PDB file of N, CA and C in Angstrom:
ATOM      1  N   MET A   1       0.500  -1.258   0.170  1.00  0.00           N
ATOM      2  CA  MET A   1       0.177   0.001   0.140  1.00  0.00           C
ATOM      3  C   MET A   1       0.915   1.289  -0.086  1.00  0.00           C
ATOM      4  N   ASP A   2       0.759   1.991  -1.407  1.00  0.00           N
ATOM      5  CA  ASP A   2       1.491   3.538  -1.015  1.00  0.00           C
ATOM      6  C   ASP A   2       1.111   4.173  -0.047  1.00  0.00           C
ATOM      7  N   GLY A   3      -0.384   4.597  -0.154  1.00  0.00           N
ATOM      8  CA  GLY A   3      -0.715   5.583   0.919  1.00  0.00           C
ATOM      9  C   GLY A   3      -2.026   6.331   0.275  1.00  0.00           C
ATOM     10  N   THR A   4      -2.531   6.892   1.191  1.00  0.00           N
ATOM     11  CA  THR A   4      -3.847   7.441   0.732  1.00  0.00           C
ATOM     12  C   THR A   4      -3.891   8.941   0.811  1.00  0.00           C
ATOM     13  N   ASP A   5      -4.525   9.781  -0.150  1.00  0.00           N
ATOM     14  CA  ASP A   5      -4.414  10.951   0.398  1.00  0.00           C
ATOM     15  C   ASP A   5      -5.649  11.430  -0.148  1.00  0.00           C
ATOM     16  N   VAL A   6      -6.022  12.328   0.796  1.00  0.00           N
ATOM     17  CA  VAL A   6      -7.244  12.634   1.126  1.00  0.00           C
ATOM     18  C   VAL A   6      -7.054  14.467   0.982  1.00  0.00           C
ATOM     19  N   HIS A   7      -8.085  14.952   0.544  1.00  0.00           N
ATOM     20  CA  HIS A   7      -7.813  16.645   0.006  1.00  0.00           C
ATOM     21  C   HIS A   7      -9.064  17.404   0.401  1.00  0.00           C
ATOM     22  N   PHE A   8      -8.684  18.323   1.443  1.00  0.00           N
ATOM     23  CA  PHE A   8     -10.111  19.043   1.985  1.00  0.00           C
ATOM     24  C   PHE A   8      -9.351  20.273   1.719  1.00  0.00           C
ATOM     25  N   GLY A   9     -10.654  21.109   1.128  1.00  0.00           N
ATOM     26  CA  GLY A   9     -10.746  22.752   0.959  1.00  0.00           C
ATOM     27  C   GLY A   9     -10.758  22.991  -0.612  1.00  0.00           C
ATOM     28  N   GLY A  10     -11.129  24.004  -1.297  1.00  0.00           N
ATOM     29  CA  GLY A  10     -11.372  24.338  -2.186  1.00  0.00           C
ATOM     30  C   GLY A  10     -10.052  24.659  -3.071  1.00  0.00           C
ATOM     31  N   GLY A  11     -10.367  24.761  -4.420  1.00  0.00           N
ATOM     32  CA  GLY A  11      -9.378  25.469  -5.504  1.00  0.00           C
ATOM     33  C   GLY A  11      -9.842  26.683  -5.197  1.00  0.00           C
ATOM     34  N   ALA A  12      -8.486  27.807  -5.809  1.00  0.00           N
ATOM     35  CA  ALA A  12      -8.649  29.256  -5.621  1.00  0.00           C
ATOM     36  C   ALA A  12      -9.962  29.829  -6.902  1.00  0.00           C
ATOM     37  N   ASP A  13     -10.525  28.809  -7.604  1.00  0.00           N
ATOM     38  CA  ASP A  13     -11.650  29.187  -8.420  1.00  0.00           C
ATOM     39  C   ASP A  13     -12.672  28.972  -7.701  1.00  0.00           C
ATOM     40  N   GLU A  14     -13.191  28.015  -6.502  1.00  0.00           N
ATOM     41  CA  GLU A  14     -14.371  28.052  -6.322  1.00  0.00           C
ATOM     42  C   GLU A  14     -14.635  28.990  -5.106  1.00  0.00           C
ATOM     43  N   MET A  15     -15.725  29.249  -5.270  1.00  0.00           N
ATOM     44  CA  MET A  15     -16.938  30.109  -4.664  1.00  0.00           C
ATOM     45  C   MET A  15     -17.306  29.741  -3.066  1.00  0.00           C
ATOM     46  N   ASP A  16     -16.861  30.037  -2.277  1.00  0.00           N
ATOM     47  CA  ASP A  16     -17.163  29.798  -0.758  1.00  0.00           C
ATOM     48  C   ASP A  16     -18.332  31.010  -0.382  1.00  0.00           C
ATOM     49  N   PRO A  17     -19.489  30.586  -0.109  1.00  0.00           N
ATOM     50  CA  PRO A  17     -20.473  31.640   0.348  1.00  0.00           C
ATOM     51  C   PRO A  17     -19.908  32.328   1.705  1.00  0.00           C
ATOM     52  N   PHE A  18     -19.209  31.521   2.392  1.00  0.00           N
ATOM     53  CA  PHE A  18     -19.056  32.125   3.647  1.00  0.00           C
ATOM     54  C   PHE A  18     -17.416  32.796   3.753  1.00  0.00           C
ATOM     55  N   ASN A  19     -16.718  32.890   2.383  1.00  0.00           N
ATOM     56  CA  ASN A  19     -15.866  33.142   2.655  1.00  0.00           C
ATOM     57  C   ASN A  19     -15.244  34.494   1.614  1.00  0.00           C
ATOM     58  N   GLU A  20     -16.786  35.315   1.267  1.00  0.00           N
ATOM     59  CA  GLU A  20     -16.725  36.451   0.887  1.00  0.00           C
ATOM     60  C   GLU A  20     -16.091  36.647  -0.405  1.00  0.00           C
ATOM     61  N   GLY A  21     -15.911  35.781  -1.530  1.00  0.00           N
ATOM     62  CA  GLY A  21     -14.616  35.723  -2.625  1.00  0.00           C
ATOM     63  C   GLY A  21     -13.239  35.733  -2.074  1.00  0.00           C
ATOM     64  N   LYS A  22     -12.582  35.798  -1.229  1.00  0.00           N
ATOM     65  CA  LYS A  22     -11.247  35.664  -0.970  1.00  0.00           C
ATOM     66  C   LYS A  22     -10.656  34.141  -1.455  1.00  0.00           C
ATOM     67  N   ASN A  23      -9.379  34.090  -0.986  1.00  0.00           N
ATOM     68  CA  ASN A  23      -9.275  32.891  -1.582  1.00  0.00           C
ATOM     69  C   ASN A  23      -9.095  31.838   0.016  1.00  0.00           C
ATOM     70  N   PRO A  24      -9.043  30.321  -0.479  1.00  0.00           N
ATOM     71  CA  PRO A  24      -9.306  29.695   0.940  1.00  0.00           C
ATOM     72  C   PRO A  24      -7.948  29.852   1.436  1.00  0.00           C
ATOM     73  N   ARG A  25      -8.497  29.600   2.854  1.00  0.00           N
ATOM     74  CA  ARG A  25      -7.182  30.087   4.083  1.00  0.00           C
ATOM     75  C   ARG A  25      -6.429  28.731   4.179  1.00  0.00           C
ATOM     76  N   SER A  26      -7.283  27.722   3.561  1.00  0.00           N
ATOM     77  CA  SER A  26      -5.850  26.373   4.162  1.00  0.00           C
ATOM     78  C   SER A  26      -6.833  25.230   2.740  1.00  0.00           C
ATOM     79  N   ASN A  27      -5.747  24.653   2.595  1.00  0.00           N
ATOM     80  CA  ASN A  27      -5.731  23.503   1.289  1.00  0.00           C
ATOM     81  C   ASN A  27      -5.174  21.999   1.872  1.00  0.00           C
ATOM     82  N   VAL A  28      -6.062  21.545   2.948  1.00  0.00           N
ATOM     83  CA  VAL A  28      -5.349  20.559   3.425  1.00  0.00           C
ATOM     84  C   VAL A  28      -5.032  19.009   3.277  1.00  0.00           C
ATOM     85  N   HIS A  29      -4.385  18.797   3.108  1.00  0.00           N
ATOM     86  CA  HIS A  29      -3.989  17.268   2.892  1.00  0.00           C
ATOM     87  C   HIS A  29      -4.099  16.185   3.557  1.00  0.00           C
ATOM     88  N   ILE A  30      -4.533  15.204   3.848  1.00  0.00           N
ATOM     89  CA  ILE A  30      -4.811  14.114   4.831  1.00  0.00           C
ATOM     90  C   ILE A  30      -4.082  13.005   4.224  1.00  0.00           C
ATOM     91  N   ARG A  31      -2.635  12.339   4.679  1.00  0.00           N
ATOM     92  CA  ARG A  31      -2.162  11.092   3.855  1.00  0.00           C
ATOM     93  C   ARG A  31      -1.849  10.196   4.686  1.00  0.00           C
ATOM     94  N   LEU A  32      -1.886   8.995   4.425  1.00  0.00           N
ATOM     95  CA  LEU A  32      -1.499   7.808   4.991  1.00  0.00           C
ATOM     96  C   LEU A  32      -0.462   7.228   4.652  1.00  0.00           C
ATOM     97  N   LYS A  33       0.621   6.870   5.294  1.00  0.00           N
ATOM     98  CA  LYS A  33       1.900   6.310   5.078  1.00  0.00           C
ATOM     99  C   LYS A  33       2.463   5.055   5.882  1.00  0.00           C
ATOM    100  N   GLN A  34       2.403   4.251   5.116  1.00  0.00           N
ATOM    101  CA  GLN A  34       3.155   2.976   5.399  1.00  0.00           C
ATOM    102  C   GLN A  34       4.237   2.695   6.143  1.00  0.00           C
ATOM    103  N   ARG A  35       5.002   2.582   7.004  1.00  0.00           N
ATOM    104  CA  ARG A  35       6.178   2.632   7.811  1.00  0.00           C
ATOM    105  C   ARG A  35       6.482   1.268   7.314  1.00  0.00           C
ATOM    106  N   THR A  36       6.276   0.282   8.399  1.00  0.00           N
ATOM    107  CA  THR A  36       6.713  -1.193   8.198  1.00  0.00           C
ATOM    108  C   THR A  36       5.250  -1.854   8.622  1.00  0.00           C
ATOM    109  N   GLY A  37       5.067  -3.013   8.258  1.00  0.00           N
ATOM    110  CA  GLY A  37       4.377  -4.193   8.424  1.00  0.00           C
ATOM    111  C   GLY A  37       2.697  -3.169   8.434  1.00  0.00           C
ATOM    112  N   ARG A  38       2.531  -3.292   9.724  1.00  0.00           N
ATOM    113  CA  ARG A  38       1.102  -2.833   9.984  1.00  0.00           C
ATOM    114  C   ARG A  38       1.034  -1.331  10.196  1.00  0.00           C
ATOM    115  N   LYS A  39       2.371  -0.697  10.599  1.00  0.00           N
ATOM    116  CA  LYS A  39       2.043   0.342  11.120  1.00  0.00           C
ATOM    117  C   LYS A  39       2.208   1.649  10.123  1.00  0.00           C
ATOM    118  N   PHE A  40       1.659   2.700  10.565  1.00  0.00           N
ATOM    119  CA  PHE A  40       1.399   3.825   9.751  1.00  0.00           C
ATOM    120  C   PHE A  40       1.492   4.814  10.336  1.00  0.00           C
ATOM    121  N   TRP A  41       1.703   6.102   9.332  1.00  0.00           N
ATOM    122  CA  TRP A  41       1.829   7.654   9.882  1.00  0.00           C
ATOM    123  C   TRP A  41       0.577   8.085   9.041  1.00  0.00           C
ATOM    124  N   THR A  42      -0.315   9.151   9.889  1.00  0.00           N
ATOM    125  CA  THR A  42      -1.305   9.860   9.420  1.00  0.00           C
ATOM    126  C   THR A  42      -0.709  11.519   9.182  1.00  0.00           C
ATOM    127  N   THR A  43      -0.228  11.948   8.209  1.00  0.00           N
ATOM    128  CA  THR A  43      -0.081  13.188   8.169  1.00  0.00           C
ATOM    129  C   THR A  43      -1.110  14.378   7.837  1.00  0.00           C
ATOM    130  N   ALA A  44      -1.182  15.636   8.123  1.00  0.00           N
ATOM    131  CA  ALA A  44      -1.696  16.598   7.635  1.00  0.00           C
ATOM    132  C   ALA A  44      -0.906  17.536   7.571  1.00  0.00           C
ATOM    133  N   ASP A  45      -0.886  18.099   6.264  1.00  0.00           N
ATOM    134  CA  ASP A  45       0.124  19.513   5.670  1.00  0.00           C
ATOM    135  C   ASP A  45      -1.280  20.447   5.011  1.00  0.00           C
ATOM    136  N   GLY A  46      -0.580  21.530   4.305  1.00  0.00           N
ATOM    137  CA  GLY A  46      -1.406  22.321   3.907  1.00  0.00           C
ATOM    138  C   GLY A  46      -2.191  23.341   4.950  1.00  0.00           C
ATOM    139  N   LEU A  47      -1.948  23.086   6.275  1.00  0.00           N
ATOM    140  CA  LEU A  47      -2.708  24.059   6.891  1.00  0.00           C
ATOM    141  C   LEU A  47      -1.927  25.552   7.015  1.00  0.00           C
ATOM    142  N   ALA A  48      -2.810  26.495   7.289  1.00  0.00           N
ATOM    143  CA  ALA A  48      -2.652  28.047   7.281  1.00  0.00           C
ATOM    144  C   ALA A  48      -1.325  27.906   7.993  1.00  0.00           C
ATOM    145  N   GLN A  49      -0.488  28.958   7.569  1.00  0.00           N
ATOM    146  CA  GLN A  49       0.466  29.184   8.964  1.00  0.00           C
ATOM    147  C   GLN A  49      -0.053  30.206   9.917  1.00  0.00           C
ATOM    148  N   ASP A  50      -0.747  30.706   9.648  1.00  0.00           N
ATOM    149  CA  ASP A  50      -1.064  31.849  11.351  1.00  0.00           C
ATOM    150  C   ASP A  50      -1.908  30.671  12.253  1.00  0.00           C
ATOM    151  N   LEU A  51      -2.185  29.316  12.312  1.00  0.00           N
ATOM    152  CA  LEU A  51      -2.574  28.501  12.850  1.00  0.00           C
ATOM    153  C   LEU A  51      -1.538  28.090  13.881  1.00  0.00           C
ATOM    154  N   ASP A  52      -2.532  27.557  14.857  1.00  0.00           N
ATOM    155  CA  ASP A  52      -1.078  27.133  16.345  1.00  0.00           C
ATOM    156  C   ASP A  52      -1.204  25.564  15.950  1.00  0.00           C
ATOM    157  N   PHE A  53      -0.348  25.475  15.604  1.00  0.00           N
ATOM    158  CA  PHE A  53      -0.067  23.856  15.244  1.00  0.00           C
ATOM    159  C   PHE A  53       0.017  23.214  16.694  1.00  0.00           C
ATOM    160  N   ASP A  54       0.395  23.727  18.045  1.00  0.00           N
ATOM    161  CA  ASP A  54       0.721  23.028  19.246  1.00  0.00           C
ATOM    162  C   ASP A  54      -0.597  22.785  19.754  1.00  0.00           C
ATOM    163  N   LYS A  55      -1.582  23.597  19.482  1.00  0.00           N
ATOM    164  CA  LYS A  55      -2.612  23.426  19.771  1.00  0.00           C
ATOM    165  C   LYS A  55      -3.308  22.630  19.094  1.00  0.00           C
ATOM    166  N   ILE A  56      -3.310  22.506  17.847  1.00  0.00           N
ATOM    167  CA  ILE A  56      -3.932  21.750  17.046  1.00  0.00           C
ATOM    168  C   ILE A  56      -3.352  20.058  17.374  1.00  0.00           C
ATOM    169  N   LEU A  57      -2.067  20.158  17.398  1.00  0.00           N
ATOM    170  CA  LEU A  57      -1.276  18.400  17.325  1.00  0.00           C
ATOM    171  C   LEU A  57      -1.989  18.153  19.117  1.00  0.00           C
ATOM    172  N   LYS A  58      -1.970  19.326  19.781  1.00  0.00           N
ATOM    173  CA  LYS A  58      -2.110  18.483  21.688  1.00  0.00           C
ATOM    174  C   LYS A  58      -3.811  17.933  21.175  1.00  0.00           C
ATOM    175  N   TYR A  59      -4.642  18.623  20.453  1.00  0.00           N
ATOM    176  CA  TYR A  59      -5.972  18.438  20.258  1.00  0.00           C
ATOM    177  C   TYR A  59      -6.504  16.985  19.484  1.00  0.00           C
ATOM    178  N   PHE A  60      -5.225  16.895  18.555  1.00  0.00           N
ATOM    179  CA  PHE A  60      -5.443  15.697  17.539  1.00  0.00           C
ATOM    180  C   PHE A  60      -4.844  14.196  18.909  1.00  0.00           C
ATOM    181  N   ARG A  61      -3.824  14.581  19.619  1.00  0.00           N
ATOM    182  CA  ARG A  61      -3.287  13.629  20.253  1.00  0.00           C
ATOM    183  C   ARG A  61      -4.279  13.268  21.505  1.00  0.00           C
ATOM    184  N   LYS A  62      -4.869  13.917  22.183  1.00  0.00           N
ATOM    185  CA  LYS A  62      -5.924  13.535  22.905  1.00  0.00           C
ATOM    186  C   LYS A  62      -7.500  13.085  22.238  1.00  0.00           C
ATOM    187  N   TRP A  63      -7.784  13.357  21.165  1.00  0.00           N
ATOM    188  CA  TRP A  63      -9.139  12.987  20.588  1.00  0.00           C
ATOM    189  C   TRP A  63      -8.504  11.488  19.727  1.00  0.00           C
ATOM    190  N   LYS A  64      -7.588  11.547  19.281  1.00  0.00           N
ATOM    191  CA  LYS A  64      -7.144   9.891  18.902  1.00  0.00           C
ATOM    192  C   LYS A  64      -6.112   9.089  19.880  1.00  0.00           C
ATOM    193  N   ARG A  65      -6.185   9.712  20.401  1.00  0.00           N
ATOM    194  CA  ARG A  65      -5.118   8.999  21.620  1.00  0.00           C
ATOM    195  C   ARG A  65      -4.232   8.019  21.107  1.00  0.00           C
ATOM    196  N   CYS A  66      -3.254   9.008  20.821  1.00  0.00           N
ATOM    197  CA  CYS A  66      -1.720   8.802  19.779  1.00  0.00           C
ATOM    198  C   CYS A  66      -0.869   9.308  20.171  1.00  0.00           C
ATOM    199  N   GLY A  67       0.758   9.333  19.597  1.00  0.00           N
ATOM    200  CA  GLY A  67       1.559  10.073  19.813  1.00  0.00           C
ATOM    201  C   GLY A  67       1.386  11.140  18.303  1.00  0.00           C
ATOM    202  N   GLY A  68       2.006  12.368  18.724  1.00  0.00           N
ATOM    203  CA  GLY A  68       2.193  12.859  17.520  1.00  0.00           C
ATOM    204  C   GLY A  68       3.577  13.665  17.741  1.00  0.00           C
ATOM    205  N   THR A  69       3.761  14.560  16.695  1.00  0.00           N
ATOM    206  CA  THR A  69       4.294  15.771  16.297  1.00  0.00           C
ATOM    207  C   THR A  69       4.322  16.485  15.100  1.00  0.00           C
ATOM    208  N   ILE A  70       5.145  17.748  15.590  1.00  0.00           N
ATOM    209  CA  ILE A  70       4.995  18.337  14.056  1.00  0.00           C
ATOM    210  C   ILE A  70       6.482  18.426  13.624  1.00  0.00           C
ATOM    211  N   ILE A  71       6.246  18.057  11.950  1.00  0.00           N
ATOM    212  CA  ILE A  71       7.889  18.138  11.269  1.00  0.00           C
ATOM    213  C   ILE A  71       7.926  19.063  10.350  1.00  0.00           C
ATOM    214  N   GLU A  72       9.138  19.449   9.747  1.00  0.00           N
ATOM    215  CA  GLU A  72       9.310  20.438   8.930  1.00  0.00           C
ATOM    216  C   GLU A  72       9.792  19.720   7.839  1.00  0.00           C
ATOM    217  N   ASP A  73       8.903  19.960   6.475  1.00  0.00           N
ATOM    218  CA  ASP A  73       9.081  19.054   5.343  1.00  0.00           C
ATOM    219  C   ASP A  73       9.674  20.224   4.256  1.00  0.00           C
ATOM    220  N   PRO A  74      10.600  19.546   3.716  1.00  0.00           N
ATOM    221  CA  PRO A  74      10.878  20.756   2.710  1.00  0.00           C
ATOM    222  C   PRO A  74       9.781  21.254   1.485  1.00  0.00           C
ATOM    223  N   ASP A  75       8.946  20.079   1.086  1.00  0.00           N
ATOM    224  CA  ASP A  75       8.366  20.334   0.064  1.00  0.00           C
ATOM    225  C   ASP A  75       6.718  20.940   0.677  1.00  0.00           C
ATOM    226  N   HIS A  76       6.221  20.316   1.858  1.00  0.00           N
ATOM    227  CA  HIS A  76       5.053  20.682   2.155  1.00  0.00           C
ATOM    228  C   HIS A  76       4.946  22.040   3.516  1.00  0.00           C
ATOM    229  N   GLY A  77       6.147  22.441   3.896  1.00  0.00           N
ATOM    230  CA  GLY A  77       6.200  23.633   5.458  1.00  0.00           C
ATOM    231  C   GLY A  77       6.269  22.348   6.722  1.00  0.00           C
ATOM    232  N   GLU A  78       4.964  22.879   7.240  1.00  0.00           N
ATOM    233  CA  GLU A  78       5.336  22.239   8.721  1.00  0.00           C
ATOM    234  C   GLU A  78       3.628  21.263   8.574  1.00  0.00           C
ATOM    235  N   VAL A  79       3.936  20.347   8.937  1.00  0.00           N
ATOM    236  CA  VAL A  79       3.407  19.001   8.818  1.00  0.00           C
ATOM    237  C   VAL A  79       2.872  18.330  10.238  1.00  0.00           C
ATOM    238  N   ILE A  80       2.071  18.135  10.504  1.00  0.00           N
ATOM    239  CA  ILE A  80       1.517  17.290  11.939  1.00  0.00           C
ATOM    240  C   ILE A  80       1.429  15.819  11.378  1.00  0.00           C
ATOM    241  N   GLN A  81       2.060  15.138  12.096  1.00  0.00           N
ATOM    242  CA  GLN A  81       2.736  13.584  11.998  1.00  0.00           C
ATOM    243  C   GLN A  81       1.643  13.051  13.088  1.00  0.00           C
ATOM    244  N   LEU A  82       0.860  11.826  12.915  1.00  0.00           N
ATOM    245  CA  LEU A  82       0.355  11.158  14.068  1.00  0.00           C
ATOM    246  C   LEU A  82       0.612   9.720  14.057  1.00  0.00           C
ATOM    247  N   GLN A  83       0.830   8.950  15.037  1.00  0.00           N
ATOM    248  CA  GLN A  83       1.253   7.737  14.981  1.00  0.00           C
ATOM    249  C   GLN A  83      -0.251   6.809  14.681  1.00  0.00           C
ATOM    250  N   GLY A  84      -0.112   5.987  13.875  1.00  0.00           N
ATOM    251  CA  GLY A  84      -1.153   5.127  13.412  1.00  0.00           C
ATOM    252  C   GLY A  84      -2.072   5.303  12.122  1.00  0.00           C
ATOM    253  N   ASP A  85      -3.174   4.674  11.783  1.00  0.00           N
ATOM    254  CA  ASP A  85      -3.983   5.059  10.887  1.00  0.00           C
ATOM    255  C   ASP A  85      -5.275   5.213  11.367  1.00  0.00           C
ATOM    256  N   HIS A  86      -5.470   6.393  10.734  1.00  0.00           N
ATOM    257  CA  HIS A  86      -6.380   7.591  11.439  1.00  0.00           C
ATOM    258  C   HIS A  86      -7.536   7.850  10.749  1.00  0.00           C
ATOM    259  N   ASN A  87      -7.700   6.394   9.366  1.00  0.00           N
ATOM    260  CA  ASN A  87      -8.663   6.763   8.516  1.00  0.00           C
ATOM    261  C   ASN A  87     -10.184   6.462   8.868  1.00  0.00           C
ATOM    262  N   VAL A  88     -10.215   5.844   9.505  1.00  0.00           N
ATOM    263  CA  VAL A  88     -11.902   5.682   9.603  1.00  0.00           C
ATOM    264  C   VAL A  88     -12.433   5.680  10.588  1.00  0.00           C
ATOM    265  N   ARG A  89     -11.772   6.038  11.839  1.00  0.00           N
ATOM    266  CA  ARG A  89     -12.081   6.428  13.183  1.00  0.00           C
ATOM    267  C   ARG A  89     -12.410   7.726  13.412  1.00  0.00           C
TER     268      ARG A  89
END
């Protein structure tokens, strides 16, 4: 399994009635990356840079009952990385 890519957020040409014609704040991608055997990383990237990543990570760790960290990726910027497959839960 190479991974799963889930995309949240609209493109710049999509109109959101609550966004008042502005570009979307975030174009979020949720990805599953297989580590070894049955172990996975769940990553979230594309979040707006003005968000507090530490608070988001703390909430995710409590909500999903897992470990997690914030990593700096050269292609995607700051990425929230959680241990485990959180696709269905």
